[in-house]
Protein backbone atom coordinates (compact mmCIF):
# COMPACT_ATOMS: atom_id res chain seq x y z
CA UNK A 1 0.00 0.00 0.00
CA UNK A 2 1.29 3.46 -0.90
CA UNK A 3 1.54 6.00 1.93
CA UNK A 4 -1.00 8.80 1.62
CA UNK A 5 -0.52 12.54 1.83
CA UNK A 6 -1.01 12.50 5.60
CA UNK A 7 2.04 10.23 5.95
CA UNK A 8 4.01 12.54 3.68
CA UNK A 9 3.05 15.60 5.72
CA UNK A 10 3.96 13.71 8.90
CA UNK A 11 7.43 13.02 7.43
CA UNK A 12 7.88 16.71 6.54
CA UNK A 13 6.77 17.78 10.02
CA UNK A 14 9.06 15.21 11.69
CA UNK A 15 11.99 16.58 9.70
CA UNK A 16 11.17 20.13 10.80
CA UNK A 17 10.91 19.00 14.43
CA UNK A 18 14.35 17.37 14.16
CA UNK A 19 15.77 20.69 12.93
CA UNK A 20 14.16 22.56 15.82
CA UNK A 21 15.69 20.01 18.22
CA UNK A 22 19.07 20.38 16.45
CA UNK A 23 19.01 16.63 15.86
CA UNK A 24 21.58 15.56 13.26
CA UNK A 25 19.28 12.65 12.35
CA UNK A 26 17.62 15.24 10.07
CA UNK A 27 20.38 14.32 7.58
CA UNK A 28 18.76 10.90 7.11
CA UNK A 29 15.73 12.55 5.47
CA UNK A 30 17.79 13.35 2.35
CA UNK A 31 18.63 10.92 -0.42
CA UNK A 32 22.40 10.34 -0.76
CA UNK A 33 22.41 12.24 -4.07
CA UNK A 34 20.28 15.15 -2.82
CA UNK A 35 21.16 18.57 -4.18
CA UNK A 36 21.30 21.07 -1.32
CA UNK A 37 21.93 24.78 -1.88
CA UNK A 38 24.00 26.10 -0.32
CA UNK A 39 25.84 22.81 0.29
CA UNK A 40 26.10 23.51 4.04
CA UNK A 41 22.41 24.45 4.37
CA UNK A 42 21.62 21.63 6.78
CA UNK A 43 24.56 22.54 9.02
CA UNK A 44 23.39 26.16 9.05
CA UNK A 45 19.84 25.16 9.94
CA UNK A 46 20.98 22.82 12.72
CA UNK A 47 23.10 25.61 14.25
CA UNK A 48 20.48 28.35 13.98
CA UNK A 49 18.30 27.53 17.00
CA UNK A 50 14.78 27.91 15.62
CA UNK A 51 11.86 27.81 18.04
CA UNK A 52 8.98 27.12 15.64
CA UNK A 53 8.13 26.15 12.08
CA UNK A 54 5.18 26.42 9.74
CA UNK A 55 4.43 24.56 6.52
CA UNK A 56 3.55 27.50 4.27
CA UNK A 57 3.13 25.84 0.86
CA UNK A 58 2.73 22.43 -0.76
CA UNK A 59 2.54 21.59 -4.45
CA UNK A 60 2.39 18.20 -6.11
CA UNK A 61 4.28 17.77 -9.37
CA UNK A 62 3.83 14.22 -10.60
CA UNK A 63 5.33 11.87 -8.02
CA UNK A 64 7.17 14.73 -6.32
CA UNK A 65 5.91 17.06 -3.62
CA UNK A 66 7.42 20.50 -3.04
CA UNK A 67 7.06 21.97 0.44
CA UNK A 68 8.02 25.39 1.71
CA UNK A 69 8.74 25.36 5.42
CA UNK A 70 9.23 28.57 7.39
CA UNK A 71 11.59 28.30 10.36
CA UNK A 72 11.43 31.07 12.97
CA UNK A 73 14.19 31.94 15.41
CA UNK A 74 16.60 34.86 15.65
CA UNK A 75 15.86 35.16 11.93
CA UNK A 76 13.30 33.60 9.61
CA UNK A 77 14.33 31.13 6.93
CA UNK A 78 11.99 29.61 4.35
CA UNK A 79 13.30 26.38 2.86
CA UNK A 80 11.87 24.86 -0.29
CA UNK A 81 12.37 21.11 -0.52
CA UNK A 82 11.29 18.47 -3.01
CA UNK A 83 10.15 15.18 -1.51
CA UNK A 84 9.51 11.82 -3.19
CA UNK A 85 8.78 8.34 -2.00
CA UNK A 86 11.83 6.06 -1.99
CA UNK A 87 11.62 2.42 -3.14
CA UNK A 88 11.46 1.35 0.53
CA UNK A 89 8.29 3.46 0.97
CA UNK A 90 9.95 6.18 3.02
CA UNK A 91 9.53 9.84 2.04
CA UNK A 92 12.91 11.50 1.38
CA UNK A 93 14.16 14.85 0.14
CA UNK A 94 15.70 15.06 -3.31
CA UNK A 95 16.73 18.69 -3.03
CA UNK A 96 16.46 21.71 -0.78
CA UNK A 97 17.26 25.40 -1.04
CA UNK A 98 16.66 28.67 0.75
CA UNK A 99 13.59 30.34 -0.75
CA UNK A 100 13.66 33.37 1.54
CA UNK A 101 15.84 34.67 4.34
CA UNK A 102 14.46 37.19 6.81
CA UNK A 103 16.45 39.65 8.90
CA UNK A 104 17.80 38.85 12.32
CA UNK A 105 15.66 40.16 15.17
CA UNK A 106 18.60 42.19 16.49
CA UNK A 107 19.32 43.80 13.10
PDB file of N, CA and C in Angstrom:
ATOM      1  N   UNK A   1       0.838  -1.182   0.000  1.00  0.00           N
ATOM      2  CA  UNK A   1       0.000   0.000   0.000  1.00  0.00           C
ATOM      3  C   UNK A   1       0.886   1.251   0.000  1.00  0.00           C
ATOM      4  N   UNK A   2       0.533   2.224  -0.797  1.00  0.00           N
ATOM      5  CA  UNK A   2       1.295   3.462  -0.904  1.00  0.00           C
ATOM      6  C   UNK A   2       0.891   4.425   0.199  1.00  0.00           C
ATOM      7  N   UNK A   3       1.877   5.023   0.895  1.00  0.00           N
ATOM      8  CA  UNK A   3       1.539   5.998   1.929  1.00  0.00           C
ATOM      9  C   UNK A   3       0.781   7.176   1.343  1.00  0.00           C
ATOM     10  N   UNK A   4      -0.183   7.677   2.067  1.00  0.00           N
ATOM     11  CA  UNK A   4      -0.996   8.797   1.617  1.00  0.00           C
ATOM     12  C   UNK A   4      -0.385  10.124   1.989  1.00  0.00           C
ATOM     13  N   UNK A   5      -1.033  11.198   1.544  1.00  0.00           N
ATOM     14  CA  UNK A   5      -0.524  12.542   1.830  1.00  0.00           C
ATOM     15  C   UNK A   5      -0.335  12.818   3.316  1.00  0.00           C
ATOM     16  N   UNK A   6      -1.178  12.228   4.172  1.00  0.00           N
ATOM     17  CA  UNK A   6      -1.014  12.497   5.599  1.00  0.00           C
ATOM     18  C   UNK A   6       0.313  11.924   6.115  1.00  0.00           C
ATOM     19  N   UNK A   7       0.747  10.795   5.561  1.00  0.00           N
ATOM     20  CA  UNK A   7       2.042  10.227   5.947  1.00  0.00           C
ATOM     21  C   UNK A   7       3.190  11.079   5.412  1.00  0.00           C
ATOM     22  N   UNK A   8       3.013  11.631   4.233  1.00  0.00           N
ATOM     23  CA  UNK A   8       4.012  12.542   3.685  1.00  0.00           C
ATOM     24  C   UNK A   8       4.126  13.783   4.558  1.00  0.00           C
ATOM     25  N   UNK A   9       3.001  14.397   4.879  1.00  0.00           N
ATOM     26  CA  UNK A   9       3.046  15.597   5.720  1.00  0.00           C
ATOM     27  C   UNK A   9       3.658  15.282   7.076  1.00  0.00           C
ATOM     28  N   UNK A  10       3.360  14.109   7.616  1.00  0.00           N
ATOM     29  CA  UNK A  10       3.960  13.715   8.897  1.00  0.00           C
ATOM     30  C   UNK A  10       5.484  13.636   8.767  1.00  0.00           C
ATOM     31  N   UNK A  11       5.983  13.109   7.647  1.00  0.00           N
ATOM     32  CA  UNK A  11       7.433  13.022   7.432  1.00  0.00           C
ATOM     33  C   UNK A  11       8.054  14.415   7.349  1.00  0.00           C
ATOM     34  N   UNK A  12       7.375  15.337   6.666  1.00  0.00           N
ATOM     35  CA  UNK A  12       7.885  16.707   6.538  1.00  0.00           C
ATOM     36  C   UNK A  12       7.904  17.376   7.909  1.00  0.00           C
ATOM     37  N   UNK A  13       6.839  17.190   8.676  1.00  0.00           N
ATOM     38  CA  UNK A  13       6.773  17.783  10.020  1.00  0.00           C
ATOM     39  C   UNK A  13       7.828  17.174  10.953  1.00  0.00           C
ATOM     40  N   UNK A  14       8.041  15.862  10.855  1.00  0.00           N
ATOM     41  CA  UNK A  14       9.055  15.214  11.692  1.00  0.00           C
ATOM     42  C   UNK A  14      10.445  15.761  11.374  1.00  0.00           C
ATOM     43  N   UNK A  15      10.705  15.991  10.088  1.00  0.00           N
ATOM     44  CA  UNK A  15      11.993  16.575   9.702  1.00  0.00           C
ATOM     45  C   UNK A  15      12.147  17.965  10.324  1.00  0.00           C
ATOM     46  N   UNK A  16      11.112  18.781  10.225  1.00  0.00           N
ATOM     47  CA  UNK A  16      11.170  20.134  10.797  1.00  0.00           C
ATOM     48  C   UNK A  16      11.385  20.076  12.308  1.00  0.00           C
ATOM     49  N   UNK A  17      10.734  19.146  12.970  1.00  0.00           N
ATOM     50  CA  UNK A  17      10.914  19.002  14.426  1.00  0.00           C
ATOM     51  C   UNK A  17      12.346  18.605  14.766  1.00  0.00           C
ATOM     52  N   UNK A  18      12.950  17.742  13.938  1.00  0.00           N
ATOM     53  CA  UNK A  18      14.351  17.368  14.165  1.00  0.00           C
ATOM     54  C   UNK A  18      15.262  18.595  14.035  1.00  0.00           C
ATOM     55  N   UNK A  19      14.966  19.471  13.070  1.00  0.00           N
ATOM     56  CA  UNK A  19      15.773  20.689  12.932  1.00  0.00           C
ATOM     57  C   UNK A  19      15.609  21.589  14.149  1.00  0.00           C
ATOM     58  N   UNK A  20      14.386  21.740  14.640  1.00  0.00           N
ATOM     59  CA  UNK A  20      14.160  22.562  15.825  1.00  0.00           C
ATOM     60  C   UNK A  20      14.924  22.003  17.019  1.00  0.00           C
ATOM     61  N   UNK A  21      14.994  20.673  17.113  1.00  0.00           N
ATOM     62  CA  UNK A  21      15.690  20.012  18.220  1.00  0.00           C
ATOM     63  C   UNK A  21      17.205  19.929  17.984  1.00  0.00           C
ATOM     64  N   UNK A  22      17.656  20.445  16.838  1.00  0.00           N
ATOM     65  CA  UNK A  22      19.071  20.379  16.448  1.00  0.00           C
ATOM     66  C   UNK A  22      19.574  18.940  16.409  1.00  0.00           C
ATOM     67  N   UNK A  23      18.723  18.056  15.933  1.00  0.00           N
ATOM     68  CA  UNK A  23      19.013  16.628  15.859  1.00  0.00           C
ATOM     69  C   UNK A  23      19.645  16.316  14.505  1.00  0.00           C
ATOM     70  N   UNK A  24      20.880  15.849  14.517  1.00  0.00           N
ATOM     71  CA  UNK A  24      21.584  15.560  13.263  1.00  0.00           C
ATOM     72  C   UNK A  24      20.939  14.419  12.480  1.00  0.00           C
ATOM     73  N   UNK A  25      20.008  13.687  13.076  1.00  0.00           N
ATOM     74  CA  UNK A  25      19.280  12.645  12.348  1.00  0.00           C
ATOM     75  C   UNK A  25      18.472  13.244  11.200  1.00  0.00           C
ATOM     76  N   UNK A  26      18.312  14.565  11.180  1.00  0.00           N
ATOM     77  CA  UNK A  26      17.621  15.235  10.069  1.00  0.00           C
ATOM     78  C   UNK A  26      18.325  14.940   8.746  1.00  0.00           C
ATOM     79  N   UNK A  27      19.619  14.638   8.795  1.00  0.00           N
ATOM     80  CA  UNK A  27      20.376  14.316   7.577  1.00  0.00           C
ATOM     81  C   UNK A  27      19.829  13.067   6.888  1.00  0.00           C
ATOM     82  N   UNK A  28      19.259  12.160   7.653  1.00  0.00           N
ATOM     83  CA  UNK A  28      18.757  10.901   7.108  1.00  0.00           C
ATOM     84  C   UNK A  28      17.518  11.093   6.242  1.00  0.00           C
ATOM     85  N   UNK A  29      16.925  12.279   6.265  1.00  0.00           N
ATOM     86  CA  UNK A  29      15.732  12.545   5.465  1.00  0.00           C
ATOM     87  C   UNK A  29      16.069  12.883   4.017  1.00  0.00           C
ATOM     88  N   UNK A  30      17.354  13.051   3.715  1.00  0.00           N
ATOM     89  CA  UNK A  30      17.791  13.351   2.354  1.00  0.00           C
ATOM     90  C   UNK A  30      18.252  12.078   1.660  1.00  0.00           C
ATOM     91  N   UNK A  31      18.039  12.000   0.344  1.00  0.00           N
ATOM     92  CA  UNK A  31      18.630  10.915  -0.420  1.00  0.00           C
ATOM     93  C   UNK A  31      20.136  11.174  -0.494  1.00  0.00           C
ATOM     94  N   UNK A  32      20.945  10.135  -0.694  1.00  0.00           N
ATOM     95  CA  UNK A  32      22.397  10.344  -0.764  1.00  0.00           C
ATOM     96  C   UNK A  32      22.811  11.323  -1.867  1.00  0.00           C
ATOM     97  N   UNK A  33      22.052  11.360  -2.946  1.00  0.00           N
ATOM     98  CA  UNK A  33      22.407  12.237  -4.067  1.00  0.00           C
ATOM     99  C   UNK A  33      21.656  13.574  -4.041  1.00  0.00           C
ATOM    100  N   UNK A  34      21.059  13.909  -2.926  1.00  0.00           N
ATOM    101  CA  UNK A  34      20.281  15.153  -2.819  1.00  0.00           C
ATOM    102  C   UNK A  34      21.136  16.371  -3.155  1.00  0.00           C
ATOM    103  N   UNK A  35      20.507  17.307  -3.859  1.00  0.00           N
ATOM    104  CA  UNK A  35      21.160  18.572  -4.185  1.00  0.00           C
ATOM    105  C   UNK A  35      20.694  19.613  -3.173  1.00  0.00           C
ATOM    106  N   UNK A  36      21.626  20.116  -2.386  1.00  0.00           N
ATOM    107  CA  UNK A  36      21.302  21.065  -1.320  1.00  0.00           C
ATOM    108  C   UNK A  36      22.059  22.360  -1.599  1.00  0.00           C
ATOM    109  N   UNK A  37      21.329  23.466  -1.601  1.00  0.00           N
ATOM    110  CA  UNK A  37      21.926  24.777  -1.877  1.00  0.00           C
ATOM    111  C   UNK A  37      21.600  25.770  -0.777  1.00  0.00           C
ATOM    112  N   UNK A  38      22.571  26.369  -0.156  1.00  0.00           N
ATOM    113  CA  UNK A  38      23.997  26.101  -0.319  1.00  0.00           C
ATOM    114  C   UNK A  38      24.347  24.723   0.241  1.00  0.00           C
ATOM    115  N   UNK A  39      25.490  24.165  -0.140  1.00  0.00           N
ATOM    116  CA  UNK A  39      25.841  22.811   0.289  1.00  0.00           C
ATOM    117  C   UNK A  39      25.822  22.601   1.804  1.00  0.00           C
ATOM    118  N   UNK A  40      26.103  23.645   2.579  1.00  0.00           N
ATOM    119  CA  UNK A  40      26.103  23.511   4.041  1.00  0.00           C
ATOM    120  C   UNK A  40      24.777  23.960   4.667  1.00  0.00           C
ATOM    121  N   UNK A  41      23.712  23.988   3.881  1.00  0.00           N
ATOM    122  CA  UNK A  41      22.410  24.455   4.371  1.00  0.00           C
ATOM    123  C   UNK A  41      21.970  23.711   5.627  1.00  0.00           C
ATOM    124  N   UNK A  42      22.076  22.398   5.620  1.00  0.00           N
ATOM    125  CA  UNK A  42      21.615  21.634   6.780  1.00  0.00           C
ATOM    126  C   UNK A  42      22.428  21.983   8.022  1.00  0.00           C
ATOM    127  N   UNK A  43      23.730  22.133   7.876  1.00  0.00           N
ATOM    128  CA  UNK A  43      24.562  22.536   9.017  1.00  0.00           C
ATOM    129  C   UNK A  43      24.120  23.896   9.544  1.00  0.00           C
ATOM    130  N   UNK A  44      23.848  24.829   8.635  1.00  0.00           N
ATOM    131  CA  UNK A  44      23.392  26.161   9.047  1.00  0.00           C
ATOM    132  C   UNK A  44      22.072  26.075   9.813  1.00  0.00           C
ATOM    133  N   UNK A  45      21.146  25.284   9.290  1.00  0.00           N
ATOM    134  CA  UNK A  45      19.837  25.164   9.940  1.00  0.00           C
ATOM    135  C   UNK A  45      19.948  24.503  11.311  1.00  0.00           C
ATOM    136  N   UNK A  46      20.808  23.500  11.429  1.00  0.00           N
ATOM    137  CA  UNK A  46      20.979  22.819  12.715  1.00  0.00           C
ATOM    138  C   UNK A  46      21.613  23.738  13.759  1.00  0.00           C
ATOM    139  N   UNK A  47      22.448  24.666  13.334  1.00  0.00           N
ATOM    140  CA  UNK A  47      23.095  25.609  14.255  1.00  0.00           C
ATOM    141  C   UNK A  47      22.192  26.769  14.656  1.00  0.00           C
ATOM    142  N   UNK A  48      21.228  27.092  13.842  1.00  0.00           N
ATOM    143  CA  UNK A  48      20.484  28.346  13.979  1.00  0.00           C
ATOM    144  C   UNK A  48      19.689  28.478  15.276  1.00  0.00           C
ATOM    145  N   UNK A  49      19.084  27.431  15.766  1.00  0.00           N
ATOM    146  CA  UNK A  49      18.296  27.526  17.000  1.00  0.00           C
ATOM    147  C   UNK A  49      16.903  28.093  16.776  1.00  0.00           C
ATOM    148  N   UNK A  50      16.158  27.478  15.884  1.00  0.00           N
ATOM    149  CA  UNK A  50      14.781  27.910  15.625  1.00  0.00           C
ATOM    150  C   UNK A  50      13.874  27.454  16.755  1.00  0.00           C
ATOM    151  N   UNK A  51      12.795  28.196  16.988  1.00  0.00           N
ATOM    152  CA  UNK A  51      11.859  27.807  18.042  1.00  0.00           C
ATOM    153  C   UNK A  51      10.493  27.398  17.506  1.00  0.00           C
ATOM    154  N   UNK A  52      10.233  27.607  16.220  1.00  0.00           N
ATOM    155  CA  UNK A  52       8.976  27.122  15.644  1.00  0.00           C
ATOM    156  C   UNK A  52       9.112  27.012  14.134  1.00  0.00           C
ATOM    157  N   UNK A  53       8.164  26.271  13.535  1.00  0.00           N
ATOM    158  CA  UNK A  53       8.132  26.151  12.082  1.00  0.00           C
ATOM    159  C   UNK A  53       6.681  26.171  11.631  1.00  0.00           C
ATOM    160  N   UNK A  54       6.511  26.432  10.352  1.00  0.00           N
ATOM    161  CA  UNK A  54       5.180  26.421   9.741  1.00  0.00           C
ATOM    162  C   UNK A  54       5.324  25.921   8.310  1.00  0.00           C
ATOM    163  N   UNK A  55       4.468  24.979   7.913  1.00  0.00           N
ATOM    164  CA  UNK A  55       4.427  24.558   6.516  1.00  0.00           C
ATOM    165  C   UNK A  55       3.598  25.606   5.786  1.00  0.00           C
ATOM    166  N   UNK A  56       4.230  26.363   4.896  1.00  0.00           N
ATOM    167  CA  UNK A  56       3.545  27.495   4.271  1.00  0.00           C
ATOM    168  C   UNK A  56       3.070  27.216   2.855  1.00  0.00           C
ATOM    169  N   UNK A  57       3.574  26.164   2.217  1.00  0.00           N
ATOM    170  CA  UNK A  57       3.127  25.840   0.863  1.00  0.00           C
ATOM    171  C   UNK A  57       3.408  24.378   0.563  1.00  0.00           C
ATOM    172  N   UNK A  58       2.557  23.812  -0.308  1.00  0.00           N
ATOM    173  CA  UNK A  58       2.730  22.434  -0.762  1.00  0.00           C
ATOM    174  C   UNK A  58       2.175  22.343  -2.173  1.00  0.00           C
ATOM    175  N   UNK A  59       2.978  21.806  -3.079  1.00  0.00           N
ATOM    176  CA  UNK A  59       2.536  21.589  -4.454  1.00  0.00           C
ATOM    177  C   UNK A  59       2.959  20.194  -4.887  1.00  0.00           C
ATOM    178  N   UNK A  60       2.063  19.522  -5.582  1.00  0.00           N
ATOM    179  CA  UNK A  60       2.391  18.200  -6.110  1.00  0.00           C
ATOM    180  C   UNK A  60       2.722  18.345  -7.587  1.00  0.00           C
ATOM    181  N   UNK A  61       3.851  17.770  -7.974  1.00  0.00           N
ATOM    182  CA  UNK A  61       4.283  17.774  -9.366  1.00  0.00           C
ATOM    183  C   UNK A  61       4.606  16.325  -9.714  1.00  0.00           C
ATOM    184  N   UNK A  62       3.660  15.642 -10.306  1.00  0.00           N
ATOM    185  CA  UNK A  62       3.833  14.224 -10.596  1.00  0.00           C
ATOM    186  C   UNK A  62       3.996  13.445  -9.305  1.00  0.00           C
ATOM    187  N   UNK A  63       5.067  12.668  -9.225  1.00  0.00           N
ATOM    188  CA  UNK A  63       5.333  11.869  -8.023  1.00  0.00           C
ATOM    189  C   UNK A  63       6.081  12.657  -6.955  1.00  0.00           C
ATOM    190  N   UNK A  64       6.406  13.904  -7.259  1.00  0.00           N
ATOM    191  CA  UNK A  64       7.166  14.734  -6.323  1.00  0.00           C
ATOM    192  C   UNK A  64       6.253  15.730  -5.626  1.00  0.00           C
ATOM    193  N   UNK A  65       6.647  16.083  -4.422  1.00  0.00           N
ATOM    194  CA  UNK A  65       5.908  17.065  -3.623  1.00  0.00           C
ATOM    195  C   UNK A  65       6.895  18.127  -3.172  1.00  0.00           C
ATOM    196  N   UNK A  66       6.560  19.387  -3.434  1.00  0.00           N
ATOM    197  CA  UNK A  66       7.419  20.498  -3.037  1.00  0.00           C
ATOM    198  C   UNK A  66       6.774  21.191  -1.844  1.00  0.00           C
ATOM    199  N   UNK A  67       7.525  21.295  -0.776  1.00  0.00           N
ATOM    200  CA  UNK A  67       7.057  21.971   0.437  1.00  0.00           C
ATOM    201  C   UNK A  67       7.927  23.186   0.700  1.00  0.00           C
ATOM    202  N   UNK A  68       7.296  24.251   1.160  1.00  0.00           N
ATOM    203  CA  UNK A  68       8.022  25.392   1.709  1.00  0.00           C
ATOM    204  C   UNK A  68       7.751  25.391   3.203  1.00  0.00           C
ATOM    205  N   UNK A  69       8.831  25.367   3.966  1.00  0.00           N
ATOM    206  CA  UNK A  69       8.741  25.358   5.421  1.00  0.00           C
ATOM    207  C   UNK A  69       9.417  26.605   5.954  1.00  0.00           C
ATOM    208  N   UNK A  70       8.684  27.349   6.781  1.00  0.00           N
ATOM    209  CA  UNK A  70       9.229  28.565   7.395  1.00  0.00           C
ATOM    210  C   UNK A  70       9.708  28.217   8.792  1.00  0.00           C
ATOM    211  N   UNK A  71      10.988  28.506   9.053  1.00  0.00           N
ATOM    212  CA  UNK A  71      11.589  28.300  10.365  1.00  0.00           C
ATOM    213  C   UNK A  71      11.780  29.664  11.008  1.00  0.00           C
ATOM    214  N   UNK A  72      11.365  29.787  12.267  1.00  0.00           N
ATOM    215  CA  UNK A  72      11.426  31.067  12.968  1.00  0.00           C
ATOM    216  C   UNK A  72      12.340  30.941  14.176  1.00  0.00           C
ATOM    217  N   UNK A  73      13.267  31.864  14.277  1.00  0.00           N
ATOM    218  CA  UNK A  73      14.186  31.940  15.406  1.00  0.00           C
ATOM    219  C   UNK A  73      14.697  33.360  15.483  1.00  0.00           C
ATOM    220  N   UNK A  74      16.006  33.521  15.664  1.00  0.00           N
ATOM    221  CA  UNK A  74      16.598  34.859  15.651  1.00  0.00           C
ATOM    222  C   UNK A  74      16.384  35.508  14.287  1.00  0.00           C
ATOM    223  N   UNK A  75      16.251  34.690  13.263  1.00  0.00           N
ATOM    224  CA  UNK A  75      15.859  35.156  11.933  1.00  0.00           C
ATOM    225  C   UNK A  75      14.895  34.129  11.356  1.00  0.00           C
ATOM    226  N   UNK A  76      14.249  34.495  10.277  1.00  0.00           N
ATOM    227  CA  UNK A  76      13.298  33.604   9.614  1.00  0.00           C
ATOM    228  C   UNK A  76      13.925  33.077   8.329  1.00  0.00           C
ATOM    229  N   UNK A  77      13.813  31.772   8.139  1.00  0.00           N
ATOM    230  CA  UNK A  77      14.328  31.134   6.932  1.00  0.00           C
ATOM    231  C   UNK A  77      13.210  30.283   6.344  1.00  0.00           C
ATOM    232  N   UNK A  78      12.948  30.465   5.052  1.00  0.00           N
ATOM    233  CA  UNK A  78      11.992  29.612   4.350  1.00  0.00           C
ATOM    234  C   UNK A  78      12.797  28.686   3.449  1.00  0.00           C
ATOM    235  N   UNK A  79      12.589  27.390   3.643  1.00  0.00           N
ATOM    236  CA  UNK A  79      13.297  26.378   2.863  1.00  0.00           C
ATOM    237  C   UNK A  79      12.299  25.700   1.937  1.00  0.00           C
ATOM    238  N   UNK A  80      12.667  25.602   0.678  1.00  0.00           N
ATOM    239  CA  UNK A  80      11.866  24.863  -0.292  1.00  0.00           C
ATOM    240  C   UNK A  80      12.546  23.528  -0.526  1.00  0.00           C
ATOM    241  N   UNK A  81      11.798  22.444  -0.366  1.00  0.00           N
ATOM    242  CA  UNK A  81      12.372  21.110  -0.519  1.00  0.00           C
ATOM    243  C   UNK A  81      11.443  20.235  -1.347  1.00  0.00           C
ATOM    244  N   UNK A  82      12.047  19.393  -2.170  1.00  0.00           N
ATOM    245  CA  UNK A  82      11.289  18.470  -3.014  1.00  0.00           C
ATOM    246  C   UNK A  82      11.396  17.072  -2.413  1.00  0.00           C
ATOM    247  N   UNK A  83      10.242  16.491  -2.138  1.00  0.00           N
ATOM    248  CA  UNK A  83      10.145  15.183  -1.513  1.00  0.00           C
ATOM    249  C   UNK A  83       9.588  14.168  -2.510  1.00  0.00           C
ATOM    250  N   UNK A  84      10.040  12.925  -2.389  1.00  0.00           N
ATOM    251  CA  UNK A  84       9.508  11.822  -3.187  1.00  0.00           C
ATOM    252  C   UNK A  84       9.599  10.552  -2.353  1.00  0.00           C
ATOM    253  N   UNK A  85       8.784   9.601  -2.724  1.00  0.00           N
ATOM    254  CA  UNK A  85       8.780   8.336  -1.998  1.00  0.00           C
ATOM    255  C   UNK A  85       9.894   7.439  -2.527  1.00  0.00           C
ATOM    256  N   UNK A  86      10.729   6.954  -1.633  1.00  0.00           N
ATOM    257  CA  UNK A  86      11.834   6.060  -1.989  1.00  0.00           C
ATOM    258  C   UNK A  86      11.288   4.653  -2.241  1.00  0.00           C
ATOM    259  N   UNK A  87      12.067   3.795  -2.889  1.00  0.00           N
ATOM    260  CA  UNK A  87      11.616   2.424  -3.138  1.00  0.00           C
ATOM    261  C   UNK A  87      11.211   1.666  -1.869  1.00  0.00           C
ATOM    262  N   UNK A  88      11.808   2.027  -0.725  1.00  0.00           N
ATOM    263  CA  UNK A  88      11.455   1.355   0.532  1.00  0.00           C
ATOM    264  C   UNK A  88      10.171   1.915   1.151  1.00  0.00           C
ATOM    265  N   UNK A  89       9.545   2.892   0.474  1.00  0.00           N
ATOM    266  CA  UNK A  89       8.294   3.460   0.968  1.00  0.00           C
ATOM    267  C   UNK A  89       8.461   4.702   1.819  1.00  0.00           C
ATOM    268  N   UNK A  90       9.686   5.011   2.179  1.00  0.00           N
ATOM    269  CA  UNK A  90       9.950   6.179   3.024  1.00  0.00           C
ATOM    270  C   UNK A  90       9.986   7.450   2.176  1.00  0.00           C
ATOM    271  N   UNK A  91       9.466   8.542   2.709  1.00  0.00           N
ATOM    272  CA  UNK A  91       9.526   9.835   2.036  1.00  0.00           C
ATOM    273  C   UNK A  91      10.880  10.471   2.317  1.00  0.00           C
ATOM    274  N   UNK A  92      11.575  10.913   1.245  1.00  0.00           N
ATOM    275  CA  UNK A  92      12.909  11.496   1.380  1.00  0.00           C
ATOM    276  C   UNK A  92      13.016  12.749   0.522  1.00  0.00           C
ATOM    277  N   UNK A  93      13.936  13.623   0.897  1.00  0.00           N
ATOM    278  CA  UNK A  93      14.164  14.850   0.143  1.00  0.00           C
ATOM    279  C   UNK A  93      15.171  14.621  -0.977  1.00  0.00           C
ATOM    280  N   UNK A  94      14.821  15.134  -2.147  1.00  0.00           N
ATOM    281  CA  UNK A  94      15.698  15.057  -3.311  1.00  0.00           C
ATOM    282  C   UNK A  94      16.534  16.321  -3.459  1.00  0.00           C
ATOM    283  N   UNK A  95      15.983  17.436  -3.006  1.00  0.00           N
ATOM    284  CA  UNK A  95      16.734  18.686  -3.031  1.00  0.00           C
ATOM    285  C   UNK A  95      16.115  19.671  -2.054  1.00  0.00           C
ATOM    286  N   UNK A  96      16.914  20.670  -1.702  1.00  0.00           N
ATOM    287  CA  UNK A  96      16.456  21.712  -0.776  1.00  0.00           C
ATOM    288  C   UNK A  96      17.260  22.976  -1.038  1.00  0.00           C
ATOM    289  N   UNK A  97      16.592  24.114  -0.864  1.00  0.00           N
ATOM    290  CA  UNK A  97      17.257  25.403  -1.044  1.00  0.00           C
ATOM    291  C   UNK A  97      16.549  26.459  -0.218  1.00  0.00           C
ATOM    292  N   UNK A  98      17.254  27.542   0.043  1.00  0.00           N
ATOM    293  CA  UNK A  98      16.661  28.669   0.755  1.00  0.00           C
ATOM    294  C   UNK A  98      15.795  29.435  -0.235  1.00  0.00           C
ATOM    295  N   UNK A  99      14.514  29.578   0.094  1.00  0.00           N
ATOM    296  CA  UNK A  99      13.593  30.338  -0.747  1.00  0.00           C
ATOM    297  C   UNK A  99      13.520  31.794  -0.292  1.00  0.00           C
ATOM    298  N   UNK A 100      13.695  31.999   1.005  1.00  0.00           N
ATOM    299  CA  UNK A 100      13.656  33.365   1.545  1.00  0.00           C
ATOM    300  C   UNK A 100      14.400  33.392   2.871  1.00  0.00           C
ATOM    301  N   UNK A 101      15.093  34.481   3.107  1.00  0.00           N
ATOM    302  CA  UNK A 101      15.840  34.670   4.344  1.00  0.00           C
ATOM    303  C   UNK A 101      15.426  36.005   4.932  1.00  0.00           C
ATOM    304  N   UNK A 102      14.891  35.971   6.149  1.00  0.00           N
ATOM    305  CA  UNK A 102      14.461  37.195   6.813  1.00  0.00           C
ATOM    306  C   UNK A 102      15.569  37.760   7.676  1.00  0.00           C
ATOM    307  N   UNK A 103      15.410  39.007   8.088  1.00  0.00           N
ATOM    308  CA  UNK A 103      16.450  39.648   8.904  1.00  0.00           C
ATOM    309  C   UNK A 103      16.512  39.063  10.308  1.00  0.00           C
ATOM    310  N   UNK A 104      17.649  39.236  10.919  1.00  0.00           N
ATOM    311  CA  UNK A 104      17.803  38.855  12.324  1.00  0.00           C
ATOM    312  C   UNK A 104      16.975  39.806  13.165  1.00  0.00           C
ATOM    313  N   UNK A 105      16.470  39.327  14.290  1.00  0.00           N
ATOM    314  CA  UNK A 105      15.655  40.160  15.171  1.00  0.00           C
ATOM    315  C   UNK A 105      16.450  41.329  15.733  1.00  0.00           C
ATOM    316  N   UNK A 106      17.777  41.133  15.904  1.00  0.00           N
ATOM    317  CA  UNK A 106      18.601  42.191  16.486  1.00  0.00           C
ATOM    318  C   UNK A 106      19.175  43.145  15.438  1.00  0.00           C
ATOM    319  N   UNK A 107      18.791  42.941  14.178  1.00  0.00           N
ATOM    320  CA  UNK A 107      19.323  43.796  13.096  1.00  0.00           C
ATOM    321  C   UNK A 107      18.591  45.116  13.022  1.00  0.00           C
TER     322      UNK A 107
END
